[in-house]
Protein backbone atom coordinates (compact mmCIF):
# COMPACT_ATOMS: atom_id res chain seq x y z
CA MET A 1 -105.52 -28.86 26.86
CA GLY A 2 -103.16 -29.78 29.61
CA THR A 3 -100.99 -27.52 31.44
CA HIS A 4 -97.21 -27.89 31.96
CA ARG A 5 -96.74 -29.34 35.52
CA ARG A 6 -92.99 -29.41 35.77
CA ASN A 7 -90.60 -26.53 36.46
CA GLY A 8 -93.09 -24.17 37.51
CA PHE A 9 -94.38 -23.27 33.94
CA LYS A 10 -97.92 -23.08 33.16
CA LYS A 11 -97.81 -23.91 29.49
CA GLU A 12 -99.28 -26.58 27.29
CA SER A 13 -97.73 -29.89 27.93
CA PHE A 14 -96.78 -32.79 25.42
CA ILE A 15 -95.57 -36.21 25.15
CA LEU A 16 -92.66 -37.07 23.27
CA SER A 17 -92.18 -40.31 21.54
CA VAL A 18 -89.52 -41.79 19.45
CA ASP A 19 -89.85 -44.89 17.27
CA ILE A 20 -86.41 -46.65 16.05
CA GLY A 21 -87.50 -49.04 13.12
CA THR A 22 -85.46 -50.80 10.68
CA THR A 23 -85.56 -48.31 8.30
CA SER A 24 -86.28 -45.08 9.98
CA ILE A 25 -86.05 -43.15 13.34
CA ARG A 26 -89.11 -40.88 13.68
CA CYS A 27 -90.19 -38.76 16.66
CA HIS A 28 -93.80 -37.24 17.37
CA VAL A 29 -94.77 -34.38 19.73
CA TYR A 30 -98.36 -35.52 21.00
CA ASP A 31 -100.71 -33.02 22.37
CA GLN A 32 -103.90 -34.26 24.89
CA GLU A 33 -106.11 -35.22 22.21
CA ALA A 34 -103.09 -37.68 20.83
CA LYS A 35 -102.94 -35.61 17.79
CA VAL A 36 -99.32 -34.99 16.25
CA ARG A 37 -98.12 -31.31 16.88
CA GLY A 38 -94.61 -31.80 15.36
CA SER A 39 -92.73 -34.40 13.78
CA CYS A 40 -89.30 -35.42 12.30
CA ILE A 41 -88.04 -38.11 10.48
CA THR A 42 -84.47 -39.63 9.34
CA LYS A 43 -83.39 -42.84 7.68
CA VAL A 44 -81.48 -45.67 9.41
CA VAL A 45 -78.39 -46.48 7.27
CA LEU A 46 -77.87 -50.41 7.12
CA LEU A 47 -74.45 -51.66 6.72
CA TYR A 48 -73.67 -54.87 4.90
CA PRO A 49 -69.63 -55.43 5.84
CA GLU A 50 -69.91 -59.03 4.95
CA GLU A 51 -72.50 -61.57 3.31
CA GLU A 52 -75.23 -61.90 5.71
CA HIS A 53 -73.92 -59.27 8.02
CA VAL A 54 -76.39 -56.53 8.84
CA GLU A 55 -75.54 -53.64 11.07
CA ILE A 56 -75.94 -50.20 12.33
CA GLU A 57 -73.44 -47.91 13.32
CA PRO A 58 -74.31 -46.72 16.84
CA GLU A 59 -72.83 -43.34 16.76
CA ALA A 60 -74.98 -42.84 13.53
CA LEU A 61 -77.96 -43.97 15.41
CA TRP A 62 -77.58 -42.10 18.28
CA LYS A 63 -77.22 -38.76 16.21
CA GLY A 64 -80.19 -39.71 14.20
CA PHE A 65 -82.29 -39.88 17.44
CA ILE A 66 -80.96 -36.75 18.86
CA SER A 67 -81.74 -35.04 15.65
CA VAL A 68 -85.44 -36.30 15.14
CA VAL A 69 -86.25 -35.33 18.84
CA ILE A 70 -84.93 -31.52 18.42
CA GLY A 71 -86.46 -31.41 14.74
CA ALA A 72 -89.84 -32.55 16.25
CA VAL A 73 -89.91 -30.07 19.00
CA GLN A 74 -88.68 -27.37 16.53
CA ASP A 75 -91.44 -28.46 14.28
CA ALA A 76 -94.12 -28.25 16.84
CA GLY A 77 -93.23 -24.73 17.64
CA ILE A 78 -92.72 -25.40 21.56
CA GLN A 79 -90.13 -25.43 24.00
CA MET A 80 -88.14 -28.64 25.26
CA ARG A 81 -89.24 -27.74 28.95
CA GLN A 82 -93.09 -28.41 27.77
CA ILE A 83 -92.28 -32.08 27.34
CA GLU A 84 -94.01 -33.96 29.98
CA ALA A 85 -92.42 -37.53 29.24
CA LEU A 86 -90.59 -39.56 26.67
CA GLY A 87 -91.35 -42.66 25.40
CA ILE A 88 -88.92 -44.78 23.18
CA ALA A 89 -90.26 -47.64 20.87
CA THR A 90 -87.38 -49.79 19.19
CA GLN A 91 -86.99 -52.61 16.54
CA ARG A 92 -86.60 -55.91 18.23
CA ALA A 93 -83.84 -58.10 18.77
CA THR A 94 -81.04 -55.74 17.36
CA PHE A 95 -78.06 -55.34 20.02
CA THR A 96 -74.69 -54.10 20.91
CA THR A 97 -72.24 -54.70 23.70
CA TRP A 98 -70.13 -51.91 25.16
CA ASP A 99 -67.84 -50.79 27.96
CA LYS A 100 -69.56 -50.19 31.15
CA LYS A 101 -66.95 -47.47 32.27
CA THR A 102 -66.33 -45.62 28.89
CA GLY A 103 -69.70 -46.34 27.17
CA VAL A 104 -67.81 -47.13 24.11
CA PRO A 105 -69.39 -50.10 21.72
CA PHE A 106 -67.21 -53.05 21.06
CA HIS A 107 -69.12 -53.43 17.76
CA ASN A 108 -71.75 -52.27 15.62
CA PHE A 109 -75.30 -53.00 16.43
CA ILE A 110 -76.18 -56.59 14.74
CA THR A 111 -79.62 -56.46 13.58
CA TRP A 112 -82.50 -58.83 13.78
CA GLN A 113 -81.87 -59.49 10.02
CA ASP A 114 -78.28 -60.74 10.40
CA ARG A 115 -77.48 -64.15 9.48
CA ARG A 116 -73.92 -64.53 10.63
CA ALA A 117 -74.76 -66.96 13.29
CA ALA A 118 -76.71 -69.32 10.56
CA GLU A 119 -74.17 -71.93 10.98
CA LEU A 120 -74.07 -71.88 14.77
CA VAL A 121 -77.78 -72.15 14.79
CA LYS A 122 -77.53 -75.13 12.51
CA SER A 123 -74.92 -76.84 14.45
CA TRP A 124 -76.88 -76.50 17.57
CA ASN A 125 -80.20 -77.51 16.27
CA ARG A 126 -78.54 -80.67 14.99
CA SER A 127 -76.40 -81.14 18.33
CA CYS A 128 -76.79 -84.18 20.68
CA THR A 129 -77.43 -81.78 23.52
CA MET A 130 -80.48 -80.39 21.57
CA LYS A 131 -81.71 -84.10 20.98
CA ALA A 132 -81.31 -84.84 24.19
CA ILE A 133 -83.43 -81.74 25.58
CA HIS A 134 -86.31 -82.62 22.91
CA GLY A 135 -85.93 -86.27 24.29
CA VAL A 136 -86.40 -85.24 27.94
CA MET A 137 -89.06 -82.64 27.12
CA LYS A 138 -91.19 -85.39 25.26
CA ALA A 139 -90.81 -87.80 27.92
CA LEU A 140 -91.97 -85.05 30.51
CA TYR A 141 -95.02 -84.29 28.07
CA PHE A 142 -96.07 -87.93 27.97
CA LEU A 143 -96.11 -88.13 31.88
CA SER A 144 -97.55 -84.88 32.78
CA ARG A 145 -99.70 -83.60 29.62
CA GLN A 146 -98.27 -80.07 29.96
CA LYS A 147 -98.38 -78.49 26.59
CA ARG A 148 -95.31 -76.36 27.45
CA CYS A 149 -93.36 -79.50 27.62
CA LEU A 150 -94.55 -80.55 24.16
CA ALA A 151 -93.47 -76.89 23.11
CA ALA A 152 -89.98 -77.45 24.69
CA SER A 153 -89.64 -80.69 22.82
CA LEU A 154 -90.09 -79.02 19.29
CA ILE A 155 -87.90 -75.45 20.04
CA VAL A 156 -84.98 -74.88 18.02
CA PHE A 157 -82.83 -71.76 17.66
CA SER A 158 -83.22 -69.20 15.15
CA THR A 159 -81.11 -66.20 13.57
CA GLN A 160 -83.90 -63.88 14.34
CA HIS A 161 -83.38 -64.00 18.04
CA VAL A 162 -80.58 -62.43 19.70
CA THR A 163 -79.29 -65.75 21.47
CA MET A 164 -76.77 -67.47 18.66
CA ARG A 165 -75.72 -63.60 17.45
CA LEU A 166 -74.81 -63.08 21.02
CA VAL A 167 -72.80 -66.52 21.24
CA TRP A 168 -71.27 -65.81 17.95
CA VAL A 169 -70.07 -62.22 19.24
CA LEU A 170 -68.54 -63.83 22.54
CA LYS A 171 -66.80 -66.47 20.68
CA HIS A 172 -65.35 -64.01 18.10
CA TYR A 173 -64.24 -61.16 20.11
CA LYS A 174 -61.53 -61.66 22.80
CA GLN A 175 -61.99 -58.11 24.19
CA ILE A 176 -65.62 -58.86 24.97
CA ARG A 177 -65.20 -61.78 26.69
CA GLN A 178 -62.29 -60.33 28.79
CA ALA A 179 -64.61 -57.54 29.70
CA ALA A 180 -67.46 -59.76 30.73
CA SER A 181 -65.09 -61.67 32.78
CA GLU A 182 -64.20 -58.51 34.48
CA GLY A 183 -67.78 -57.62 35.02
CA ASN A 184 -67.20 -54.30 32.80
CA CYS A 185 -69.21 -55.71 29.60
CA CYS A 186 -72.83 -54.61 29.20
CA PHE A 187 -75.32 -56.03 26.83
CA GLY A 188 -78.30 -54.49 25.36
CA THR A 189 -80.80 -54.03 22.59
CA ILE A 190 -81.49 -50.26 21.06
CA ASP A 191 -83.81 -49.12 23.74
CA THR A 192 -81.12 -50.24 26.55
CA TRP A 193 -78.08 -49.00 24.74
CA LEU A 194 -80.11 -45.47 24.23
CA LEU A 195 -81.23 -45.33 27.66
CA PHE A 196 -77.50 -45.85 28.95
CA LYS A 197 -76.44 -42.92 26.82
CA LEU A 198 -79.29 -40.78 27.71
CA THR A 199 -78.72 -41.00 31.37
CA LYS A 200 -74.98 -40.85 31.05
CA GLY A 201 -74.36 -44.48 31.93
CA ARG A 202 -76.56 -44.26 34.95
CA VAL A 203 -79.12 -46.83 33.97
CA HIS A 204 -78.46 -50.34 32.43
CA ALA A 205 -82.08 -51.23 31.85
CA THR A 206 -84.76 -52.86 29.31
CA ASP A 207 -88.16 -53.36 29.71
CA PHE A 208 -90.22 -56.70 29.85
CA SER A 209 -91.44 -56.31 26.23
CA ASN A 210 -87.97 -55.79 24.92
CA ALA A 211 -86.67 -58.47 27.02
CA SER A 212 -89.12 -61.24 26.09
CA SER A 213 -88.40 -60.55 22.29
CA THR A 214 -84.83 -61.55 22.68
CA GLY A 215 -85.28 -65.35 22.95
CA ILE A 216 -83.07 -65.23 26.22
CA PHE A 217 -86.10 -64.72 28.66
CA ASP A 218 -88.07 -67.02 30.10
CA SER A 219 -91.81 -65.55 29.76
CA TYR A 220 -93.42 -67.94 32.09
CA GLN A 221 -90.97 -67.21 35.09
CA MET A 222 -90.55 -63.07 33.87
CA CYS A 223 -86.68 -63.39 33.99
CA TRP A 224 -83.72 -63.97 31.74
CA SER A 225 -83.35 -67.91 31.41
CA GLU A 226 -80.75 -68.88 33.45
CA LEU A 227 -81.10 -72.32 32.18
CA LEU A 228 -80.52 -71.13 28.33
CA CYS A 229 -77.57 -68.79 29.63
CA SER A 230 -75.80 -72.05 31.20
CA LEU A 231 -76.53 -74.02 28.24
CA VAL A 232 -74.78 -71.70 25.54
CA SER A 233 -72.60 -70.05 28.12
CA LEU A 234 -73.94 -66.34 28.14
CA PRO A 235 -72.78 -64.46 31.32
CA LEU A 236 -75.85 -63.32 33.03
CA SER A 237 -73.81 -60.31 34.23
CA ILE A 238 -73.72 -58.42 31.12
CA LEU A 239 -77.57 -58.39 30.74
CA PRO A 240 -79.75 -55.60 31.94
CA THR A 241 -82.37 -55.28 34.73
CA VAL A 242 -85.61 -55.73 33.45
CA GLU A 243 -88.23 -53.14 34.43
CA ASN A 244 -91.77 -52.57 33.88
CA THR A 245 -92.83 -50.91 30.51
CA ASN A 246 -93.94 -47.87 32.44
CA HIS A 247 -90.96 -47.59 34.66
CA ASP A 248 -89.54 -44.47 35.77
CA PHE A 249 -86.37 -45.31 33.70
CA GLY A 250 -84.81 -41.71 34.85
CA SER A 251 -84.16 -38.63 33.04
CA THR A 252 -82.52 -37.33 30.04
CA ASP A 253 -79.03 -35.44 31.26
CA MET A 254 -79.14 -31.80 31.06
CA SER A 255 -76.33 -31.74 28.75
CA ILE A 256 -78.28 -33.37 25.76
CA PHE A 257 -81.32 -31.28 25.20
CA GLY A 258 -80.84 -28.35 27.65
CA GLU A 259 -83.44 -29.89 29.88
CA SER A 260 -83.96 -33.19 32.00
CA ILE A 261 -86.80 -34.77 30.23
CA PRO A 262 -88.45 -38.08 32.21
CA ILE A 263 -88.04 -41.15 30.48
CA ARG A 264 -91.35 -42.88 31.17
CA SER A 265 -91.90 -45.85 28.62
CA MET A 266 -89.72 -48.12 26.68
CA VAL A 267 -91.37 -50.73 24.51
CA ALA A 268 -90.62 -53.33 21.57
CA ASP A 269 -92.33 -51.80 18.32
CA GLN A 270 -94.94 -54.61 17.72
CA GLN A 271 -95.91 -54.54 21.28
CA ALA A 272 -95.92 -50.67 21.31
CA ALA A 273 -98.24 -50.89 18.05
CA MET A 274 -100.52 -53.46 19.94
CA PHE A 275 -100.79 -50.63 22.81
CA GLY A 276 -101.45 -47.82 20.26
CA GLU A 277 -104.28 -49.72 18.65
CA CYS A 278 -105.68 -49.99 21.93
CA CYS A 279 -105.87 -53.96 22.14
CA PHE A 280 -106.33 -54.00 25.41
CA ASP A 281 -108.61 -56.97 25.83
CA VAL A 282 -108.41 -60.66 25.56
CA GLY A 283 -109.19 -61.72 21.63
CA ASP A 284 -107.87 -58.14 20.38
CA VAL A 285 -105.96 -58.71 17.11
CA LYS A 286 -103.36 -56.37 15.57
CA ILE A 287 -101.76 -56.87 12.11
CA THR A 288 -98.76 -54.72 11.36
CA MET A 289 -97.85 -55.04 7.70
CA GLY A 290 -94.25 -53.38 7.26
CA THR A 291 -91.25 -54.95 5.82
CA GLY A 292 -92.71 -58.32 7.18
CA THR A 293 -96.18 -58.99 8.57
CA PHE A 294 -96.66 -59.36 12.48
CA MET A 295 -99.85 -60.42 13.60
CA ASP A 296 -100.33 -60.42 17.34
CA ILE A 297 -103.32 -61.39 19.78
CA ASN A 298 -103.87 -60.39 23.05
CA THR A 299 -104.02 -63.81 25.07
CA GLY A 300 -104.47 -62.05 28.81
CA CYS A 301 -102.39 -62.97 31.56
CA LYS A 302 -101.11 -65.91 30.48
CA PRO A 303 -98.30 -66.85 27.85
CA HIS A 304 -99.88 -68.97 24.88
CA THR A 305 -97.92 -72.22 24.56
CA SER A 306 -97.36 -72.82 20.90
CA VAL A 307 -96.40 -76.02 18.99
CA ALA A 308 -96.70 -74.53 15.28
CA GLY A 309 -94.36 -71.48 15.59
CA LEU A 310 -96.52 -68.82 17.25
CA TYR A 311 -94.21 -66.79 19.62
CA PRO A 312 -95.12 -66.22 23.50
CA LEU A 313 -94.25 -62.44 24.06
CA VAL A 314 -94.85 -60.05 27.22
CA GLY A 315 -97.22 -57.32 25.40
CA TRP A 316 -96.35 -55.05 28.66
CA LYS A 317 -96.10 -55.03 32.25
CA ILE A 318 -97.60 -51.93 34.05
CA GLY A 319 -97.77 -51.98 37.67
CA ALA A 320 -99.15 -55.38 38.43
CA GLU A 321 -100.76 -56.13 35.23
CA VAL A 322 -98.98 -58.38 32.66
CA VAL A 323 -100.60 -58.76 29.33
CA TYR A 324 -99.34 -61.40 27.10
CA LEU A 325 -99.54 -61.92 23.48
CA ALA A 326 -99.16 -64.82 20.81
CA GLU A 327 -97.25 -63.73 17.78
CA GLY A 328 -96.77 -65.05 14.25
CA ASN A 329 -95.02 -63.44 11.39
CA ALA A 330 -94.45 -63.37 7.51
CA ALA A 331 -91.01 -61.96 6.74
CA ASP A 332 -91.58 -60.46 3.13
CA THR A 333 -94.43 -58.35 3.01
CA GLY A 334 -92.85 -54.55 2.26
CA THR A 335 -89.82 -56.70 0.75
CA ALA A 336 -91.90 -57.92 -1.86
CA ILE A 337 -93.58 -55.06 -2.93
CA LYS A 338 -90.29 -53.27 -2.86
CA TRP A 339 -88.81 -55.81 -4.83
CA ALA A 340 -91.49 -55.53 -7.88
CA GLN A 341 -90.78 -51.95 -7.79
CA GLU A 342 -87.19 -52.47 -8.41
CA LEU A 343 -88.59 -54.45 -11.23
CA ASP A 344 -90.20 -51.53 -12.59
CA LEU A 345 -93.69 -53.45 -12.40
CA PHE A 346 -94.74 -49.95 -11.15
CA GLU A 347 -93.19 -46.55 -10.14
CA ASP A 348 -95.32 -45.60 -7.09
CA VAL A 349 -96.27 -47.87 -4.42
CA LYS A 350 -99.91 -46.12 -4.43
CA GLU A 351 -100.65 -47.63 -7.80
CA THR A 352 -100.53 -51.17 -6.80
CA SER A 353 -104.22 -50.98 -5.60
CA ALA A 354 -105.50 -49.65 -8.78
CA LEU A 355 -103.24 -52.16 -10.80
CA ALA A 356 -104.72 -55.12 -8.85
CA TYR A 357 -108.24 -54.03 -9.43
CA SER A 358 -107.67 -53.32 -13.25
CA VAL A 359 -108.04 -57.08 -13.90
CA GLU A 360 -110.72 -59.58 -12.80
CA ASP A 361 -108.16 -61.80 -11.37
CA SER A 362 -104.33 -62.94 -11.40
CA ASP A 363 -104.86 -65.05 -14.70
CA GLY A 364 -103.82 -67.93 -12.57
CA VAL A 365 -100.63 -66.74 -11.58
CA CYS A 366 -99.43 -67.45 -8.02
CA PHE A 367 -96.44 -65.70 -5.78
CA VAL A 368 -94.68 -67.16 -3.26
CA PRO A 369 -93.42 -64.36 -0.80
CA SER A 370 -90.47 -66.03 0.55
CA PHE A 371 -87.04 -64.25 0.36
CA SER A 372 -86.54 -64.91 3.82
CA GLY A 373 -88.04 -68.76 3.92
CA LEU A 374 -91.32 -69.32 5.38
CA GLN A 375 -92.44 -68.54 9.00
CA ALA A 376 -95.44 -70.09 11.01
CA PRO A 377 -97.02 -72.22 10.44
CA LEU A 378 -94.80 -73.85 7.67
CA ASN A 379 -91.40 -72.90 9.28
CA ASP A 380 -89.13 -73.65 6.29
CA PRO A 381 -86.00 -71.55 6.11
CA LYS A 382 -85.05 -73.25 2.72
CA ALA A 383 -88.08 -72.25 1.02
CA CYS A 384 -87.66 -69.68 -1.92
CA ALA A 385 -89.50 -66.86 -3.70
CA SER A 386 -91.10 -67.53 -6.54
CA PHE A 387 -94.09 -67.22 -9.41
CA MET A 388 -95.79 -69.81 -10.66
CA GLY A 389 -98.49 -70.26 -13.37
CA LEU A 390 -96.98 -67.64 -15.60
CA LYS A 391 -98.62 -67.45 -19.14
CA PRO A 392 -98.07 -65.46 -22.43
CA SER A 393 -101.33 -63.71 -21.52
CA SER A 394 -100.08 -62.75 -18.02
CA THR A 395 -99.54 -58.71 -17.66
CA LYS A 396 -97.90 -56.74 -15.15
CA SER A 397 -101.31 -56.29 -13.59
CA HIS A 398 -101.61 -59.88 -12.98
CA LEU A 399 -98.48 -59.93 -11.38
CA VAL A 400 -98.75 -57.07 -8.79
CA ARG A 401 -102.32 -58.46 -8.20
CA ALA A 402 -100.57 -62.03 -7.43
CA ILE A 403 -98.06 -60.32 -5.29
CA LEU A 404 -100.86 -58.55 -3.18
CA GLU A 405 -102.87 -61.76 -3.29
CA SER A 406 -99.85 -63.37 -1.69
CA ILE A 407 -99.61 -61.16 1.30
CA VAL A 408 -103.35 -61.55 1.92
CA PHE A 409 -102.92 -65.52 1.89
CA ARG A 410 -100.12 -65.50 4.24
CA ASN A 411 -102.31 -63.12 6.85
CA LYS A 412 -105.06 -65.95 6.17
CA GLN A 413 -102.63 -68.66 7.18
CA LEU A 414 -101.44 -67.10 10.14
CA TYR A 415 -104.91 -65.94 11.32
CA GLU A 416 -106.28 -69.23 11.09
CA LEU A 417 -103.12 -70.86 13.14
CA MET A 418 -104.00 -68.28 15.63
CA LEU A 419 -107.78 -69.16 15.77
CA ARG A 420 -106.77 -73.05 16.07
CA GLU A 421 -103.97 -72.74 18.37
CA THR A 422 -105.53 -70.14 20.95
CA GLN A 423 -109.21 -70.89 20.92
CA ILE A 424 -109.49 -67.43 21.93
CA PRO A 425 -112.63 -65.76 20.48
CA ILE A 426 -111.40 -62.71 18.39
CA THR A 427 -112.92 -59.55 19.67
CA LYS A 428 -111.63 -57.08 17.00
CA ILE A 429 -109.21 -56.77 14.25
CA ARG A 430 -107.05 -53.68 13.50
CA ALA A 431 -104.31 -53.00 10.88
CA ASP A 432 -101.44 -50.82 10.59
CA GLY A 433 -98.14 -50.51 8.96
CA GLY A 434 -97.10 -48.69 5.49
CA VAL A 435 -98.89 -51.72 3.35
CA SER A 436 -102.11 -51.48 5.49
CA SER A 437 -102.53 -48.24 3.43
CA ASN A 438 -103.13 -50.32 0.49
CA ASP A 439 -107.01 -50.63 -0.38
CA PHE A 440 -106.77 -54.24 -2.13
CA VAL A 441 -104.83 -55.86 0.69
CA MET A 442 -107.30 -54.48 3.37
CA GLN A 443 -110.25 -55.50 1.41
CA LEU A 444 -109.14 -59.06 0.46
CA THR A 445 -108.28 -59.72 4.24
CA ALA A 446 -111.75 -58.65 5.15
CA ASP A 447 -112.94 -60.82 2.88
CA LEU A 448 -110.69 -63.85 3.62
CA PHE A 449 -111.23 -63.54 7.25
CA GLY A 450 -114.74 -62.94 7.05
CA ARG A 451 -114.44 -60.26 9.46
CA LYS A 452 -114.33 -56.41 9.73
CA VAL A 453 -110.77 -55.07 9.75
CA ALA A 454 -110.33 -51.42 10.93
CA ARG A 455 -107.44 -49.21 9.85
CA PRO A 456 -106.26 -46.17 11.66
CA ASP A 457 -106.19 -42.99 10.23
CA HIS A 458 -102.23 -42.91 10.27
CA CYS A 459 -100.22 -46.02 10.44
CA GLU A 460 -97.46 -44.92 12.83
CA MET A 461 -98.72 -46.89 15.77
CA SER A 462 -95.20 -48.09 17.62
CA CYS A 463 -94.61 -44.25 18.14
CA LEU A 464 -98.17 -43.79 19.42
CA GLY A 465 -98.25 -46.83 21.75
CA ALA A 466 -94.79 -45.67 23.26
CA ALA A 467 -96.21 -42.27 23.80
CA TYR A 468 -99.64 -43.62 25.30
CA VAL A 469 -97.66 -45.87 27.92
CA ALA A 470 -95.64 -42.82 28.80
CA GLY A 471 -98.47 -40.51 28.95
CA LEU A 472 -100.43 -42.95 31.48
CA ALA A 473 -97.10 -43.16 33.55
CA ALA A 474 -96.98 -39.22 34.14
CA GLY A 475 -100.75 -38.76 34.61
CA PHE A 476 -100.73 -36.75 31.23
CA TRP A 477 -103.75 -39.40 30.39
CA LYS A 478 -105.78 -40.81 33.25
CA SER A 479 -106.91 -44.39 31.89
CA LYS A 480 -107.24 -46.77 29.02
CA GLU A 481 -110.72 -45.80 28.76
CA GLU A 482 -109.60 -42.46 27.96
CA LEU A 483 -107.27 -43.53 25.29
CA LYS A 484 -109.84 -45.48 23.68
CA LYS A 485 -111.99 -42.72 23.23
CA LEU A 486 -109.14 -40.88 21.50
CA GLN A 487 -108.84 -43.43 18.93
CA ARG A 488 -109.44 -42.37 15.37
CA THR A 489 -110.18 -44.58 12.49
CA GLU A 490 -110.02 -44.00 9.14
CA GLU A 491 -111.89 -46.81 7.53
CA VAL A 492 -113.34 -50.21 8.41
CA PHE A 493 -113.35 -52.50 5.85
CA LEU A 494 -116.40 -55.05 5.80
CA PRO A 495 -116.26 -58.78 4.28
CA GLN A 496 -118.30 -58.75 0.90
CA GLY A 497 -118.40 -62.63 0.60
CA ARG A 498 -115.37 -63.45 -1.39
CA GLY A 499 -114.02 -65.70 1.34
CA GLU A 500 -116.89 -68.38 0.11
CA ASP A 501 -116.32 -67.37 -3.36
CA LEU A 502 -115.05 -70.62 -5.18
CA ASP A 503 -112.42 -68.80 -7.55
CA TYR A 504 -110.79 -67.68 -4.33
CA CYS A 505 -111.23 -71.23 -3.07
CA SER A 506 -109.72 -72.48 -6.10
CA LEU A 507 -106.92 -69.97 -6.29
CA LEU A 508 -105.88 -70.61 -2.69
CA HIS A 509 -105.91 -74.08 -3.50
CA SER A 510 -103.23 -73.40 -6.53
CA TRP A 511 -101.46 -70.78 -4.13
CA ASP A 512 -101.20 -73.83 -1.46
CA LYS A 513 -99.55 -76.07 -4.05
CA ALA A 514 -97.12 -73.31 -5.42
CA LEU A 515 -96.16 -72.85 -1.53
CA ARG A 516 -95.26 -76.64 -1.15
CA ARG A 517 -93.31 -76.44 -4.48
CA SER A 518 -91.37 -73.74 -3.09
CA MET A 519 -90.60 -75.48 0.08
CA ASN A 520 -86.89 -77.08 0.64
CA TRP A 521 -85.52 -75.43 -2.43
CA TYR A 522 -82.23 -74.29 -1.09
CA LYS A 523 -80.12 -77.30 0.50
CA PRO A 524 -79.27 -77.45 4.09
């Protein structure tokens, strides 16, 4: 085991990692074998002040962060001075703005689920300006045949990205506009705000993975997009400095934990999960099945230019190395299962796999998991969730099976899109997130992909990924090869040939019909 190298103490040392998700804040203390020695978790309380507004109270988030750090260290039975470094993974595209002098937020965190800017998004996407941009980019593509120009000719604003929600904030809060004009306004996603608080206002920064997830960042030029900011009137002065993912972000103020802990990684949650799964090579795929499904492929040193809805992200920047990911997502994975639970289709989520296996098939029932519209490759925000093919013979087991199958069918859509668009040979597939604990979902995913899919021995990969980056930065671990040797797999699901099964081909065809009939349901 490692010995403590700070402050002269010769004691075993550890890495501390915090993951701030949509529903929880968790903290783990890791030893040199990457084993969890202490843990603490608390809930994230979401606020719904108005219809379609989804917020988090900053002070509550701060208190939650402090409590899980102290709780995990106590649970590990160690002292704060034994912590070698701190890593932070955060949900993406959730932001606030605050007074640079006082550190007091101007408003609650506006989360990635918030839809207050929906009308703004709609009006911008229909605007003459966007039509002009699309026209110019189509012309440039015609002349240059550069795929990036074609992608730009199809790009639209989305409520999931920060851009239009931040425009909405500046439009509705005079105080923020005034502070920005005076150079006294800071913008930040959760990682940036926590760093500002932990360093007592000394550091206003983010990392490349978080910045690239906002929609304001140019992943090709690796900087905030001056063109976009100019287009929608966002002041560049409020944006944080963008640093490497393993940057020395400073240390926590002594007054917070009684010790000054080096902050050695900040990373967006999906990118952190990718790192935690050791998906370091081109063609490595990670599928996180939580509230939504996020499927990421390592595209190496170049961002992938998509024309079908895959998003180019910076995975991480460590030293001179930049690793890019292409990401597709389906928004309603865990949401669909939770909804079914609230309908009393089952009591415990762990029952769902057994319920699905208790029947031979779904009895022709199809479920479309579209409470938040359909993302890539269909990209239809007006699609509705639906059951189709119900019969008097349909039981709750058939319904549960149809829900689980729909999750895998969306996985298959994203996977096939990824293969088709990136043209990158897949090297390995690893799955994590709460829904990955469902054996039925995992086995059917392996069957329909026709590939083996590995599941880690615990599913909290974002926390581990942030710890790995921090540990490498602090010299706690020496290399990525060492991290690969620490990797533990709970189970590998091998394809059993059901992908070619005529019944599944027929069901997939029926599900696709159900999908099409659920599209454009809501009026624009």
